[in-house]
Amino acid sequence: MGLNTTGTDVGHYLKNVLYWYLVALATMVNYCHKASDDSNTAKAKGSDLRVHFKNTWQVARAIRGMPLAKAKTYLDQVMDHKRCIPYIKFNHAAGRTPQAKEFGVTQGRWPRKSVELIQGLLKNVESNAENKGLSDINELKVGSIVVQRAQKIRRRTYRAHGRVGAYQASPCHVNMIVEKRDEVVPKPTAQALRQGRVKTPAHKRFGDRSHRCTYK
């Protein structure tokens, strides 16, 4: 069946092609971090999530690099107000708490909605890992978690004297990848250091003069 070459039909055809191309782009699942070995990783993703971007960014930063079991325990403790989420960035109005001392800062909060969202993603990515055969949770860690701003949800609120004010929400996108933990290399024993099997670093052998040492 031939394609009519009239201008109207060609225009409709091109519009349909462009429409389905944009739909395909919108449904593609892209991740900010590319794993070196997909067989040892599991992924989870959320788009346009109705939680504040800045609070979710703080939660993601707090658990990045943690073992999966440790991250779940930590977030449970945050929900019970036993530990806090340290506010490193976007902390202009964040209050101070003694619970932030363990992270070397003074400001921290307990963002309930963001923590519940990350807990759901951790549960999701754990199920994905089990489906791929990575059933031992103790071998997994949060290798990458990225929080990005989504398009603002713009509404309006009505003020006195006929004015209108902005009433916006700040949703976010979250990408999470868990991977197998690296093997833990045991610390060398004192006997190995005495026998010379492990070389002492230069800053310990020469102290502050290590940058001036020259070998002839």
N, C-alpha and C. Protein backbone atom coordinates (compact mmCIF):
# COMPACT_ATOMS: atom_id res chain seq x y z
N MET A 1 0.85 -1.18 0.00
CA MET A 1 0.00 0.00 0.00
C MET A 1 0.88 1.23 0.00
N GLY A 2 0.74 2.06 -0.99
CA GLY A 2 1.59 3.23 -1.14
C GLY A 2 1.17 4.35 -0.22
N LEU A 3 2.09 5.26 0.05
CA LEU A 3 1.85 6.41 0.90
C LEU A 3 1.51 7.61 0.04
N ASN A 4 0.37 8.24 0.33
CA ASN A 4 0.01 9.44 -0.42
C ASN A 4 1.04 10.53 -0.18
N THR A 5 1.39 11.21 -1.22
CA THR A 5 2.43 12.22 -1.14
C THR A 5 1.87 13.63 -1.06
N THR A 6 0.60 13.74 -0.77
CA THR A 6 0.04 15.08 -0.62
C THR A 6 0.58 15.72 0.65
N GLY A 7 0.60 17.04 0.66
CA GLY A 7 1.20 17.76 1.78
C GLY A 7 0.52 17.48 3.10
N THR A 8 -0.84 17.35 3.09
CA THR A 8 -1.56 17.12 4.34
C THR A 8 -1.23 15.75 4.92
N ASP A 9 -1.22 14.70 4.05
CA ASP A 9 -0.93 13.34 4.53
C ASP A 9 0.50 13.23 5.05
N VAL A 10 1.45 13.83 4.36
CA VAL A 10 2.84 13.79 4.80
C VAL A 10 3.00 14.50 6.14
N GLY A 11 2.29 15.60 6.29
CA GLY A 11 2.36 16.33 7.56
C GLY A 11 1.83 15.50 8.71
N HIS A 12 0.69 14.80 8.53
CA HIS A 12 0.15 13.94 9.56
C HIS A 12 1.09 12.79 9.87
N TYR A 13 1.70 12.22 8.83
CA TYR A 13 2.62 11.10 9.02
C TYR A 13 3.83 11.54 9.86
N LEU A 14 4.39 12.69 9.52
CA LEU A 14 5.55 13.18 10.27
C LEU A 14 5.18 13.50 11.72
N LYS A 15 3.97 14.02 11.93
CA LYS A 15 3.53 14.30 13.29
C LYS A 15 3.42 13.02 14.11
N ASN A 16 2.88 11.95 13.48
CA ASN A 16 2.77 10.67 14.18
C ASN A 16 4.14 10.09 14.53
N VAL A 17 5.08 10.20 13.56
CA VAL A 17 6.43 9.69 13.81
C VAL A 17 7.08 10.46 14.95
N LEU A 18 6.94 11.79 14.93
CA LEU A 18 7.52 12.60 16.00
C LEU A 18 6.88 12.30 17.36
N TYR A 19 5.56 12.09 17.35
CA TYR A 19 4.86 11.78 18.60
C TYR A 19 5.38 10.49 19.22
N TRP A 20 5.46 9.43 18.43
CA TRP A 20 5.91 8.15 18.98
C TRP A 20 7.38 8.18 19.34
N TYR A 21 8.17 9.00 18.65
CA TYR A 21 9.58 9.15 19.03
C TYR A 21 9.71 9.80 20.40
N LEU A 22 8.89 10.84 20.64
CA LEU A 22 8.92 11.50 21.95
C LEU A 22 8.40 10.57 23.05
N VAL A 23 7.39 9.75 22.72
CA VAL A 23 6.90 8.79 23.71
C VAL A 23 7.99 7.79 24.07
N ALA A 24 8.74 7.32 23.07
CA ALA A 24 9.82 6.37 23.34
C ALA A 24 10.90 7.00 24.20
N LEU A 25 11.23 8.28 23.94
CA LEU A 25 12.22 8.95 24.76
C LEU A 25 11.74 9.10 26.20
N ALA A 26 10.46 9.41 26.36
CA ALA A 26 9.92 9.62 27.71
C ALA A 26 9.89 8.34 28.52
N THR A 27 9.76 7.19 27.85
CA THR A 27 9.65 5.91 28.58
C THR A 27 10.99 5.20 28.73
N MET A 28 12.06 5.76 28.18
CA MET A 28 13.38 5.14 28.35
C MET A 28 13.84 5.28 29.79
N VAL A 29 14.44 4.23 30.33
CA VAL A 29 14.94 4.24 31.71
C VAL A 29 16.45 4.46 31.65
N ASN A 30 16.87 5.64 32.01
CA ASN A 30 18.29 5.98 32.01
C ASN A 30 18.75 6.19 33.44
N TYR A 31 19.98 5.79 33.71
CA TYR A 31 20.57 5.96 35.03
C TYR A 31 21.81 6.82 34.91
N CYS A 32 22.06 7.63 35.94
CA CYS A 32 23.20 8.54 35.91
C CYS A 32 24.52 7.79 36.06
N HIS A 33 24.50 6.66 36.72
CA HIS A 33 25.72 5.88 36.96
C HIS A 33 25.65 4.59 36.17
N LYS A 34 26.72 4.26 35.48
CA LYS A 34 26.78 3.03 34.70
C LYS A 34 27.65 2.02 35.44
N ALA A 35 27.07 0.91 35.80
CA ALA A 35 27.81 -0.11 36.56
C ALA A 35 28.77 -0.85 35.64
N SER A 36 29.90 -1.23 36.20
CA SER A 36 30.90 -1.96 35.42
C SER A 36 30.47 -3.40 35.15
N ASP A 37 29.70 -3.98 36.07
CA ASP A 37 29.25 -5.37 35.92
C ASP A 37 27.77 -5.43 36.29
N ASP A 38 26.92 -5.53 35.27
CA ASP A 38 25.47 -5.53 35.51
C ASP A 38 24.99 -6.77 36.24
N SER A 39 25.74 -7.86 36.15
CA SER A 39 25.29 -9.09 36.81
C SER A 39 25.38 -9.00 38.33
N ASN A 40 26.19 -8.09 38.84
CA ASN A 40 26.35 -7.95 40.29
C ASN A 40 25.69 -6.68 40.82
N THR A 41 24.76 -6.11 40.06
CA THR A 41 24.09 -4.88 40.49
C THR A 41 22.58 -5.04 40.34
N ALA A 42 21.85 -4.21 41.09
CA ALA A 42 20.40 -4.13 40.97
C ALA A 42 20.02 -2.65 41.02
N LYS A 43 18.93 -2.31 40.34
CA LYS A 43 18.57 -0.90 40.17
C LYS A 43 17.12 -0.66 40.60
N ALA A 44 16.86 0.59 40.96
CA ALA A 44 15.51 1.06 41.24
C ALA A 44 15.46 2.54 40.91
N LYS A 45 14.27 3.00 40.53
CA LYS A 45 14.15 4.38 40.07
C LYS A 45 12.76 4.91 40.36
N GLY A 46 12.69 6.20 40.67
CA GLY A 46 11.41 6.88 40.84
C GLY A 46 11.46 8.22 40.14
N SER A 47 10.37 8.58 39.48
CA SER A 47 10.32 9.83 38.72
C SER A 47 9.16 10.70 39.21
N ASP A 48 9.41 12.00 39.25
CA ASP A 48 8.39 12.98 39.65
C ASP A 48 7.77 12.61 40.99
N LEU A 49 8.60 12.35 41.96
CA LEU A 49 8.14 11.94 43.28
C LEU A 49 7.75 13.17 44.09
N ARG A 50 6.60 13.10 44.77
CA ARG A 50 6.08 14.24 45.48
C ARG A 50 6.70 14.38 46.87
N VAL A 51 8.00 14.52 46.90
CA VAL A 51 8.73 14.83 48.13
C VAL A 51 9.71 15.96 47.78
N HIS A 52 10.11 16.72 48.79
CA HIS A 52 10.98 17.86 48.55
C HIS A 52 12.35 17.41 48.06
N PHE A 53 12.82 18.06 47.04
CA PHE A 53 14.12 17.72 46.46
C PHE A 53 15.24 17.89 47.48
N LYS A 54 15.25 19.00 48.20
CA LYS A 54 16.38 19.30 49.09
C LYS A 54 16.45 18.31 50.25
N ASN A 55 15.31 17.96 50.83
CA ASN A 55 15.32 16.98 51.92
C ASN A 55 15.74 15.60 51.43
N THR A 56 15.24 15.21 50.26
CA THR A 56 15.59 13.89 49.72
C THR A 56 17.07 13.82 49.36
N TRP A 57 17.63 14.94 48.90
CA TRP A 57 19.06 14.98 48.58
C TRP A 57 19.89 14.71 49.83
N GLN A 58 19.47 15.27 50.96
CA GLN A 58 20.21 15.05 52.21
C GLN A 58 20.15 13.59 52.63
N VAL A 59 18.98 12.97 52.51
CA VAL A 59 18.84 11.56 52.90
C VAL A 59 19.70 10.67 52.01
N ALA A 60 19.67 10.94 50.71
CA ALA A 60 20.45 10.13 49.77
C ALA A 60 21.94 10.25 50.06
N ARG A 61 22.38 11.45 50.36
CA ARG A 61 23.80 11.65 50.65
C ARG A 61 24.21 10.90 51.91
N ALA A 62 23.30 10.82 52.89
CA ALA A 62 23.64 10.17 54.15
C ALA A 62 23.86 8.67 54.00
N ILE A 63 23.15 8.02 53.07
CA ILE A 63 23.26 6.55 52.95
C ILE A 63 24.12 6.13 51.77
N ARG A 64 24.63 7.07 51.00
CA ARG A 64 25.45 6.70 49.84
C ARG A 64 26.72 5.98 50.30
N GLY A 65 26.96 4.80 49.73
CA GLY A 65 28.13 4.00 50.09
C GLY A 65 27.92 3.07 51.26
N MET A 66 26.79 3.15 51.95
CA MET A 66 26.53 2.28 53.10
C MET A 66 26.19 0.86 52.64
N PRO A 67 26.49 -0.15 53.44
CA PRO A 67 25.92 -1.48 53.21
C PRO A 67 24.40 -1.40 53.28
N LEU A 68 23.73 -2.23 52.50
CA LEU A 68 22.28 -2.14 52.39
C LEU A 68 21.59 -2.38 53.74
N ALA A 69 22.05 -3.38 54.48
CA ALA A 69 21.44 -3.65 55.79
C ALA A 69 21.67 -2.50 56.76
N LYS A 70 22.85 -1.91 56.71
CA LYS A 70 23.15 -0.78 57.60
C LYS A 70 22.32 0.44 57.25
N ALA A 71 22.08 0.67 55.94
CA ALA A 71 21.27 1.81 55.51
C ALA A 71 19.83 1.66 55.99
N LYS A 72 19.29 0.43 55.91
CA LYS A 72 17.92 0.21 56.37
C LYS A 72 17.80 0.44 57.88
N THR A 73 18.78 -0.04 58.63
CA THR A 73 18.77 0.16 60.09
C THR A 73 18.88 1.64 60.44
N TYR A 74 19.74 2.33 59.73
CA TYR A 74 19.94 3.77 60.00
C TYR A 74 18.66 4.56 59.75
N LEU A 75 17.97 4.28 58.66
CA LEU A 75 16.73 5.01 58.36
C LEU A 75 15.63 4.67 59.36
N ASP A 76 15.61 3.43 59.85
CA ASP A 76 14.65 3.10 60.91
C ASP A 76 14.93 3.91 62.18
N GLN A 77 16.20 4.09 62.48
CA GLN A 77 16.56 4.89 63.65
C GLN A 77 16.20 6.36 63.45
N VAL A 78 16.31 6.85 62.23
CA VAL A 78 15.91 8.23 61.95
C VAL A 78 14.41 8.40 62.15
N MET A 79 13.63 7.43 61.71
CA MET A 79 12.19 7.51 61.90
C MET A 79 11.81 7.51 63.38
N ASP A 80 12.62 6.85 64.22
CA ASP A 80 12.37 6.84 65.66
C ASP A 80 13.02 8.01 66.38
N HIS A 81 13.63 8.93 65.62
CA HIS A 81 14.31 10.11 66.18
C HIS A 81 15.47 9.73 67.10
N LYS A 82 16.08 8.57 66.85
CA LYS A 82 17.26 8.18 67.61
C LYS A 82 18.53 8.70 66.97
N ARG A 83 18.52 8.87 65.66
CA ARG A 83 19.61 9.48 64.92
C ARG A 83 19.01 10.48 63.93
N CYS A 84 19.83 11.34 63.38
CA CYS A 84 19.31 12.38 62.50
C CYS A 84 19.97 12.29 61.12
N ILE A 85 19.39 13.01 60.17
CA ILE A 85 19.99 13.19 58.85
C ILE A 85 20.82 14.47 58.89
N PRO A 86 22.14 14.39 58.67
CA PRO A 86 22.95 15.63 58.72
C PRO A 86 22.64 16.52 57.53
N TYR A 87 22.53 17.80 57.79
CA TYR A 87 22.25 18.78 56.73
C TYR A 87 23.55 19.49 56.38
N ILE A 88 24.15 19.04 55.28
CA ILE A 88 25.42 19.58 54.81
C ILE A 88 25.18 20.74 53.85
N LYS A 89 24.16 20.61 53.04
CA LYS A 89 23.84 21.60 52.01
C LYS A 89 22.36 21.96 52.17
N PHE A 90 21.96 23.10 51.64
CA PHE A 90 20.57 23.56 51.79
C PHE A 90 20.18 23.61 53.27
N ASN A 91 21.06 24.16 54.09
CA ASN A 91 20.85 24.10 55.54
C ASN A 91 20.66 25.49 56.14
N HIS A 92 20.12 26.42 55.38
CA HIS A 92 20.03 27.80 55.87
C HIS A 92 19.17 27.89 57.13
N ALA A 93 18.03 27.21 57.16
CA ALA A 93 17.11 27.33 58.29
C ALA A 93 17.03 26.05 59.11
N ALA A 94 17.95 25.12 58.90
CA ALA A 94 17.91 23.86 59.64
C ALA A 94 18.38 24.09 61.07
N GLY A 95 17.70 23.47 62.03
CA GLY A 95 18.06 23.63 63.43
C GLY A 95 19.24 22.77 63.82
N ARG A 96 19.80 23.06 64.98
CA ARG A 96 20.94 22.31 65.49
C ARG A 96 20.46 21.19 66.42
N THR A 97 21.20 20.11 66.41
CA THR A 97 20.86 18.97 67.27
C THR A 97 22.14 18.23 67.66
N PRO A 98 22.22 17.74 68.89
CA PRO A 98 23.42 16.98 69.28
C PRO A 98 23.61 15.69 68.48
N GLN A 99 22.54 15.18 67.87
CA GLN A 99 22.66 13.93 67.10
C GLN A 99 23.52 14.11 65.84
N ALA A 100 23.75 15.35 65.42
CA ALA A 100 24.56 15.60 64.23
C ALA A 100 26.05 15.55 64.51
N LYS A 101 26.44 15.42 65.78
CA LYS A 101 27.87 15.44 66.11
C LYS A 101 28.61 14.26 65.50
N GLU A 102 27.94 13.11 65.38
CA GLU A 102 28.63 11.94 64.83
C GLU A 102 29.05 12.12 63.38
N PHE A 103 28.44 13.09 62.69
CA PHE A 103 28.79 13.36 61.29
C PHE A 103 29.70 14.58 61.16
N GLY A 104 30.08 15.17 62.29
CA GLY A 104 30.98 16.31 62.25
C GLY A 104 30.31 17.62 61.90
N VAL A 105 29.00 17.71 62.03
CA VAL A 105 28.27 18.94 61.76
C VAL A 105 27.36 19.24 62.95
N THR A 106 26.68 20.36 62.88
CA THR A 106 25.80 20.75 63.99
C THR A 106 24.33 20.74 63.61
N GLN A 107 24.01 20.72 62.31
CA GLN A 107 22.62 20.85 61.87
C GLN A 107 22.10 19.50 61.37
N GLY A 108 20.88 19.19 61.73
CA GLY A 108 20.28 17.95 61.28
C GLY A 108 18.77 17.98 61.46
N ARG A 109 18.09 17.10 60.73
CA ARG A 109 16.64 17.02 60.80
C ARG A 109 16.21 15.56 60.66
N TRP A 110 14.88 15.36 60.70
CA TRP A 110 14.27 14.03 60.56
C TRP A 110 13.18 14.12 59.50
N PRO A 111 13.55 14.23 58.21
CA PRO A 111 12.55 14.42 57.13
C PRO A 111 11.76 13.14 56.87
N ARG A 112 10.59 13.03 57.48
CA ARG A 112 9.84 11.79 57.48
C ARG A 112 9.46 11.33 56.08
N LYS A 113 8.89 12.21 55.26
CA LYS A 113 8.41 11.80 53.94
C LYS A 113 9.55 11.34 53.04
N SER A 114 10.68 12.05 53.10
CA SER A 114 11.82 11.66 52.27
C SER A 114 12.41 10.34 52.73
N VAL A 115 12.47 10.13 54.05
CA VAL A 115 13.00 8.87 54.57
C VAL A 115 12.10 7.70 54.18
N GLU A 116 10.79 7.89 54.27
CA GLU A 116 9.87 6.82 53.87
C GLU A 116 10.01 6.50 52.39
N LEU A 117 10.23 7.50 51.56
CA LEU A 117 10.42 7.26 50.13
C LEU A 117 11.68 6.44 49.89
N ILE A 118 12.78 6.82 50.50
CA ILE A 118 14.04 6.09 50.31
C ILE A 118 13.92 4.67 50.86
N GLN A 119 13.20 4.51 51.96
CA GLN A 119 12.98 3.15 52.49
C GLN A 119 12.23 2.29 51.49
N GLY A 120 11.23 2.86 50.81
CA GLY A 120 10.51 2.12 49.78
C GLY A 120 11.40 1.73 48.62
N LEU A 121 12.30 2.65 48.21
CA LEU A 121 13.22 2.33 47.11
C LEU A 121 14.21 1.24 47.54
N LEU A 122 14.67 1.29 48.79
CA LEU A 122 15.57 0.24 49.26
C LEU A 122 14.89 -1.12 49.25
N LYS A 123 13.63 -1.15 49.64
CA LYS A 123 12.88 -2.41 49.60
C LYS A 123 12.70 -2.89 48.16
N ASN A 124 12.44 -1.95 47.26
CA ASN A 124 12.27 -2.29 45.86
C ASN A 124 13.56 -2.84 45.26
N VAL A 125 14.67 -2.16 45.52
CA VAL A 125 15.93 -2.60 44.91
C VAL A 125 16.40 -3.91 45.54
N GLU A 126 16.03 -4.18 46.80
CA GLU A 126 16.35 -5.46 47.41
C GLU A 126 15.60 -6.60 46.72
N SER A 127 14.32 -6.36 46.38
CA SER A 127 13.55 -7.37 45.65
C SER A 127 14.14 -7.60 44.27
N ASN A 128 14.57 -6.51 43.61
CA ASN A 128 15.19 -6.67 42.29
C ASN A 128 16.49 -7.46 42.38
N ALA A 129 17.24 -7.25 43.47
CA ALA A 129 18.48 -8.01 43.64
C ALA A 129 18.19 -9.49 43.86
N GLU A 130 17.15 -9.81 44.61
CA GLU A 130 16.80 -11.22 44.82
C GLU A 130 16.39 -11.88 43.51
N ASN A 131 15.69 -11.14 42.65
CA ASN A 131 15.31 -11.71 41.35
C ASN A 131 16.52 -11.99 40.46
N LYS A 132 17.61 -11.26 40.68
CA LYS A 132 18.82 -11.47 39.88
C LYS A 132 19.77 -12.47 40.54
N GLY A 133 19.36 -13.04 41.66
CA GLY A 133 20.22 -14.02 42.32
C GLY A 133 21.13 -13.44 43.39
N LEU A 134 21.02 -12.15 43.68
CA LEU A 134 21.84 -11.53 44.72
C LEU A 134 21.04 -11.53 46.02
N SER A 135 20.85 -12.70 46.58
CA SER A 135 19.93 -12.84 47.70
C SER A 135 20.55 -12.47 49.04
N ASP A 136 21.87 -12.46 49.15
CA ASP A 136 22.52 -12.16 50.43
C ASP A 136 22.60 -10.65 50.59
N ILE A 137 21.79 -10.10 51.49
CA ILE A 137 21.74 -8.65 51.67
C ILE A 137 23.04 -8.13 52.27
N ASN A 138 23.78 -8.99 52.99
CA ASN A 138 25.02 -8.54 53.63
C ASN A 138 26.13 -8.30 52.62
N GLU A 139 25.96 -8.78 51.40
CA GLU A 139 26.98 -8.57 50.38
C GLU A 139 26.74 -7.32 49.55
N LEU A 140 25.62 -6.63 49.78
CA LEU A 140 25.25 -5.50 48.93
C LEU A 140 25.50 -4.18 49.64
N LYS A 141 25.79 -3.15 48.84
CA LYS A 141 25.94 -1.80 49.36
C LYS A 141 25.28 -0.82 48.38
N VAL A 142 24.97 0.37 48.88
CA VAL A 142 24.38 1.41 48.03
C VAL A 142 25.52 2.04 47.24
N GLY A 143 25.73 1.54 46.04
CA GLY A 143 26.85 2.03 45.24
C GLY A 143 26.62 3.41 44.67
N SER A 144 25.39 3.70 44.24
CA SER A 144 25.08 5.00 43.64
C SER A 144 23.64 5.35 43.95
N ILE A 145 23.42 6.58 44.38
CA ILE A 145 22.07 7.10 44.56
C ILE A 145 22.11 8.57 44.18
N VAL A 146 21.29 8.95 43.21
CA VAL A 146 21.31 10.30 42.64
C VAL A 146 19.91 10.89 42.76
N VAL A 147 19.84 12.10 43.27
CA VAL A 147 18.57 12.83 43.38
C VAL A 147 18.66 14.08 42.50
N GLN A 148 17.68 14.23 41.62
CA GLN A 148 17.66 15.37 40.70
C GLN A 148 16.34 16.12 40.82
N ARG A 149 16.40 17.40 40.52
CA ARG A 149 15.18 18.21 40.53
C ARG A 149 14.26 17.79 39.40
N ALA A 150 12.98 17.74 39.68
CA ALA A 150 11.97 17.52 38.65
C ALA A 150 11.28 18.85 38.34
N GLN A 151 10.43 18.83 37.36
CA GLN A 151 9.71 20.06 37.00
C GLN A 151 8.78 20.47 38.15
N LYS A 152 8.81 21.73 38.48
CA LYS A 152 8.00 22.23 39.59
C LYS A 152 6.51 22.11 39.26
N ILE A 153 5.74 21.84 40.29
CA ILE A 153 4.28 21.82 40.16
C ILE A 153 3.78 23.21 40.57
N ARG A 154 3.28 23.95 39.62
CA ARG A 154 2.94 25.35 39.85
C ARG A 154 1.44 25.50 40.11
N ARG A 155 1.13 26.04 41.27
CA ARG A 155 -0.25 26.37 41.60
C ARG A 155 -0.29 27.80 42.10
N ARG A 156 -1.45 28.23 42.59
CA ARG A 156 -1.56 29.60 43.06
C ARG A 156 -2.36 29.64 44.35
N THR A 157 -2.04 30.60 45.15
CA THR A 157 -2.80 30.85 46.38
C THR A 157 -3.27 32.29 46.35
N TYR A 158 -4.44 32.52 46.90
CA TYR A 158 -5.08 33.83 46.79
C TYR A 158 -4.84 34.62 48.07
N ARG A 159 -4.39 35.83 47.90
CA ARG A 159 -4.03 36.70 49.02
C ARG A 159 -5.04 37.82 49.17
N ALA A 160 -4.79 38.64 50.14
CA ALA A 160 -5.68 39.78 50.38
C ALA A 160 -5.53 40.84 49.29
N HIS A 161 -6.54 41.64 49.15
CA HIS A 161 -6.55 42.77 48.21
C HIS A 161 -6.42 42.33 46.76
N GLY A 162 -6.92 41.12 46.46
CA GLY A 162 -6.94 40.67 45.07
C GLY A 162 -5.61 40.17 44.53
N ARG A 163 -4.65 39.93 45.38
CA ARG A 163 -3.35 39.46 44.89
C ARG A 163 -3.32 37.94 44.78
N VAL A 164 -2.37 37.47 44.00
CA VAL A 164 -2.17 36.03 43.80
C VAL A 164 -0.70 35.72 44.08
N GLY A 165 -0.45 34.69 44.88
CA GLY A 165 0.92 34.29 45.18
C GLY A 165 1.24 32.92 44.62
N ALA A 166 2.52 32.68 44.36
CA ALA A 166 2.97 31.38 43.86
C ALA A 166 2.84 30.32 44.95
N TYR A 167 2.44 29.13 44.55
CA TYR A 167 2.23 28.02 45.47
C TYR A 167 2.79 26.78 44.78
N GLN A 168 4.11 26.56 44.92
CA GLN A 168 4.80 25.56 44.11
C GLN A 168 5.25 24.38 44.95
N ALA A 169 5.38 23.24 44.29
CA ALA A 169 5.98 22.05 44.89
C ALA A 169 7.29 21.75 44.17
N SER A 170 8.22 21.10 44.87
CA SER A 170 9.54 20.80 44.32
C SER A 170 9.77 19.30 44.31
N PRO A 171 9.17 18.57 43.36
CA PRO A 171 9.38 17.11 43.30
C PRO A 171 10.78 16.76 42.82
N CYS A 172 11.08 15.47 42.76
CA CYS A 172 12.43 15.05 42.39
C CYS A 172 12.39 13.69 41.71
N HIS A 173 13.50 13.38 41.03
CA HIS A 173 13.76 12.05 40.47
C HIS A 173 14.85 11.39 41.31
N VAL A 174 14.75 10.08 41.52
CA VAL A 174 15.74 9.35 42.30
C VAL A 174 16.18 8.12 41.52
N ASN A 175 17.48 7.95 41.36
CA ASN A 175 18.08 6.74 40.78
C ASN A 175 18.90 6.05 41.84
N MET A 176 18.76 4.74 41.97
CA MET A 176 19.51 3.99 42.98
C MET A 176 20.07 2.72 42.37
N ILE A 177 21.33 2.44 42.67
CA ILE A 177 22.00 1.22 42.22
C ILE A 177 22.71 0.60 43.41
N VAL A 178 22.43 -0.67 43.68
CA VAL A 178 23.16 -1.40 44.71
C VAL A 178 24.06 -2.41 44.01
N GLU A 179 25.18 -2.68 44.62
CA GLU A 179 26.17 -3.58 44.03
C GLU A 179 26.84 -4.40 45.12
N LYS A 180 27.55 -5.41 44.68
CA LYS A 180 28.26 -6.26 45.65
C LYS A 180 29.40 -5.48 46.29
N ARG A 181 29.57 -5.69 47.58
CA ARG A 181 30.65 -5.02 48.30
C ARG A 181 31.99 -5.61 47.92
N ASP A 182 33.02 -4.75 47.94
CA ASP A 182 34.37 -5.23 47.68
C ASP A 182 34.86 -6.07 48.84
N GLU A 183 35.79 -6.95 48.53
CA GLU A 183 36.38 -7.78 49.58
C GLU A 183 37.15 -6.90 50.56
N VAL A 184 36.97 -7.17 51.83
CA VAL A 184 37.65 -6.41 52.87
C VAL A 184 39.06 -6.95 53.03
N VAL A 185 40.07 -6.09 52.81
CA VAL A 185 41.46 -6.49 52.96
C VAL A 185 41.85 -6.34 54.43
N PRO A 186 42.29 -7.39 55.07
CA PRO A 186 42.63 -7.27 56.51
C PRO A 186 43.81 -6.34 56.73
N LYS A 187 43.77 -5.66 57.85
CA LYS A 187 44.84 -4.75 58.21
C LYS A 187 46.09 -5.55 58.55
N PRO A 188 47.27 -5.12 58.08
CA PRO A 188 48.49 -5.89 58.37
C PRO A 188 48.79 -5.91 59.86
N THR A 189 49.27 -7.04 60.31
CA THR A 189 49.58 -7.20 61.73
C THR A 189 50.89 -6.51 62.07
N ALA A 190 51.12 -6.33 63.36
CA ALA A 190 52.37 -5.71 63.81
C ALA A 190 53.58 -6.56 63.44
N GLN A 191 53.40 -7.89 63.45
CA GLN A 191 54.51 -8.77 63.08
C GLN A 191 54.89 -8.59 61.62
N ALA A 192 53.89 -8.45 60.75
CA ALA A 192 54.18 -8.23 59.34
C ALA A 192 54.90 -6.90 59.13
N LEU A 193 54.54 -5.89 59.90
CA LEU A 193 55.23 -4.61 59.79
C LEU A 193 56.67 -4.72 60.25
N ARG A 194 56.90 -5.48 61.35
CA ARG A 194 58.27 -5.63 61.86
C ARG A 194 59.16 -6.40 60.89
N GLN A 195 58.61 -7.40 60.21
CA GLN A 195 59.39 -8.21 59.29
C GLN A 195 59.60 -7.54 57.95
N GLY A 196 59.01 -6.36 57.75
CA GLY A 196 59.25 -5.61 56.53
C GLY A 196 58.41 -6.03 55.35
N ARG A 197 57.36 -6.84 55.59
CA ARG A 197 56.53 -7.25 54.47
C ARG A 197 55.60 -6.12 54.01
N VAL A 198 55.39 -5.14 54.87
CA VAL A 198 54.56 -4.00 54.53
C VAL A 198 55.41 -2.75 54.69
N LYS A 199 55.50 -1.96 53.64
CA LYS A 199 56.35 -0.77 53.68
C LYS A 199 55.63 0.34 54.44
N THR A 200 56.34 0.97 55.37
CA THR A 200 55.77 2.09 56.12
C THR A 200 55.68 3.32 55.21
N PRO A 201 54.57 4.04 55.23
CA PRO A 201 54.45 5.23 54.38
C PRO A 201 55.54 6.26 54.68
N ALA A 202 55.83 7.08 53.68
CA ALA A 202 56.93 8.04 53.80
C ALA A 202 56.65 9.08 54.87
N HIS A 203 55.37 9.49 55.00
CA HIS A 203 55.08 10.53 55.99
C HIS A 203 55.26 10.04 57.42
N LYS A 204 55.28 8.70 57.62
CA LYS A 204 55.54 8.16 58.95
C LYS A 204 57.04 7.91 59.14
N ARG A 205 57.74 7.60 58.03
CA ARG A 205 59.18 7.34 58.16
C ARG A 205 59.97 8.63 58.32
N PHE A 206 59.52 9.70 57.64
CA PHE A 206 60.29 10.94 57.63
C PHE A 206 59.57 12.10 58.29
N GLY A 207 58.30 11.93 58.66
CA GLY A 207 57.58 13.01 59.32
C GLY A 207 57.29 14.16 58.37
N ASP A 208 57.43 15.39 58.87
CA ASP A 208 57.17 16.57 58.05
C ASP A 208 58.22 16.80 56.98
N ARG A 209 59.35 16.06 57.03
CA ARG A 209 60.42 16.26 56.05
C ARG A 209 60.25 15.37 54.83
N SER A 210 59.11 14.65 54.75
CA SER A 210 58.97 13.68 53.67
C SER A 210 58.96 14.35 52.31
N HIS A 211 58.45 15.61 52.22
CA HIS A 211 58.40 16.26 50.91
C HIS A 211 59.76 16.77 50.47
N ARG A 212 60.75 16.77 51.41
CA ARG A 212 62.08 17.26 51.05
C ARG A 212 63.08 16.13 50.85
N CYS A 213 62.63 14.90 51.04
CA CYS A 213 63.56 13.78 50.93
C CYS A 213 63.89 13.51 49.47
N THR A 214 65.16 13.35 49.18
CA THR A 214 65.59 13.00 47.83
C THR A 214 66.49 11.77 47.95
N TYR A 215 66.42 10.94 46.96
CA TYR A 215 67.21 9.73 46.94
C TYR A 215 68.23 9.83 45.83
N LYS A 216 69.50 9.55 46.15
CA LYS A 216 70.59 9.66 45.19
C LYS A 216 71.14 8.27 44.88
